[in-house]
Structures are given as structure tokens and as C-alpha cells.
Protein backbone atom coordinates (compact mmCIF):
# COMPACT_ATOMS: atom_id res chain seq x y z
CA MET A 1 88.58 99.92 83.38
CA ARG A 2 86.53 102.02 85.81
CA ILE A 3 85.09 98.88 87.47
CA ALA A 4 88.66 97.52 87.99
CA ILE A 5 89.66 100.76 89.73
CA VAL A 6 86.59 100.66 91.94
CA LEU A 7 87.26 97.08 92.92
CA PHE A 8 90.88 97.80 93.62
CA VAL A 9 89.98 100.61 95.91
CA ALA A 10 87.17 98.59 97.60
CA VAL A 11 89.59 95.80 98.44
CA PHE A 12 92.19 98.13 99.89
CA ALA A 13 89.51 100.09 101.77
CA ALA A 14 88.42 96.95 103.53
CA GLY A 15 91.93 95.96 104.36
CA GLY A 16 92.96 99.49 105.38
CA VAL A 17 90.03 99.90 107.86
CA CYS A 18 90.90 96.59 109.61
CA ALA A 19 94.68 97.32 109.66
CA LYS A 20 94.50 100.85 111.04
CA GLY A 21 94.06 99.81 114.64
CA GLY A 22 93.92 102.57 117.27
CA GLY A 23 92.93 106.20 116.85
CA GLY A 24 96.18 107.07 115.11
CA GLY A 25 94.46 107.17 111.72
CA GLY A 26 97.03 104.83 110.11
CA HIS A 27 100.07 106.88 111.28
CA SER A 28 102.56 105.35 113.52
CA SER A 29 104.29 108.46 114.90
CA LYS A 30 107.37 108.27 117.13
CA SER A 31 109.32 111.20 118.75
CA SER A 32 109.65 114.56 116.94
CA GLY A 33 112.30 114.69 114.21
CA GLY A 34 112.94 111.83 111.83
CA THR A 35 110.37 109.90 109.75
CA HIS A 36 107.45 107.50 110.24
CA SER A 37 105.62 105.11 107.98
CA VAL A 38 102.09 105.81 106.88
CA ARG A 39 99.86 102.86 105.97
CA GLY A 40 97.92 102.71 102.76
CA HIS A 41 94.47 104.02 103.25
CA VAL A 42 91.36 105.36 101.57
CA THR A 43 90.43 109.03 102.24
CA LYS A 44 86.88 110.07 103.11
CA LYS A 45 86.39 111.16 99.46
CA GLY A 46 87.32 107.60 98.32
CA THR A 47 90.87 108.23 97.04
CA TYR A 48 93.40 105.52 97.81
CA VAL A 49 96.77 106.71 99.16
CA ALA A 50 99.65 104.23 98.81
CA PRO A 51 101.86 103.50 101.88
CA HIS A 52 104.65 105.95 102.17
CA ARG A 53 107.07 107.65 104.63
CA ALA A 54 106.59 111.09 106.11
CA THR A 55 108.46 113.48 108.39
CA ASN A 56 107.26 113.33 112.02
CA PRO A 57 104.82 115.99 113.02
CA ASP A 58 106.20 119.04 114.90
CA LYS A 59 105.68 122.80 114.94
CA SER A 60 108.16 123.53 112.24
CA LYS A 61 107.29 123.78 108.46
CA ALA A 62 110.91 124.35 107.51
CA ASN A 63 111.85 120.63 107.99
CA ASN A 64 109.09 119.01 105.90
CA TRP A 65 110.16 117.46 102.57
CA SER A 66 107.67 119.62 100.64
CA SER A 67 109.38 122.82 101.90
CA LYS A 68 111.89 124.76 99.76
CA GLY A 69 115.46 123.78 100.47
CA ASN A 70 114.53 120.17 101.19
CA ARG A 71 114.35 117.09 99.12
CA ASN A 72 112.16 114.00 99.55
CA PRO A 73 114.74 111.14 100.04
CA ASP A 74 112.35 108.54 98.48
CA THR A 75 111.50 110.40 95.27
CA GLY A 76 114.31 112.91 94.95
CA LYS A 77 111.75 115.62 94.36
CA GLU A 78 112.75 119.14 95.51
CA GLY A 79 110.38 120.95 97.92
CA THR A 80 108.40 123.85 96.47
CA LYS A 81 106.38 125.26 99.48
CA ASP A 82 107.45 128.40 101.28
CA PRO A 83 108.06 127.34 104.86
CA ASN A 84 107.17 130.85 106.14
CA ARG A 85 103.57 130.81 104.86
């Protein structure tokens, strides 16, 4: 089973490195506000992160899906982080 996981990660790591393109690190950000798509990638520690959507970067923590009072539209999960910390 462990070999299958390692092969799975290796295949996606090879594809993710080629698919990233420019210096954006796999992120295709647009203007502030709204969302953007994040390509699947392997972290420096070797963990595979599946493709997903994220809020666009800005200086506010209050509008992130993980912050209290917000809900992730893809998973329905309520935010738990204090946006003031």
C-alpha cells in the first residue's frame, strides 16, 4: 500500500512541476476579492495537495473561508479561526 501511495505522489509531482509554469507557485491569482483555482501540487515535504479553490490574497483575514463567520462554499465547512489573531 505504501508503495502505491509513493508512486501516486511521484506521478503527480512530475506532472505538477511541469504544469506550474511561471513563478506563481501553481496559483493563478486575479484581482483582490473573489476566488482563484489552485493546481494540484506536491509540497517541499512531499505531501500531495489536490486541486482546489481559494479566496484571493488580500490584507484581510476576515474574508477567508477558514475565519469564523464564513463558510467554505465547496465543502460547507464553517470557519473556525479568529480573524483578529
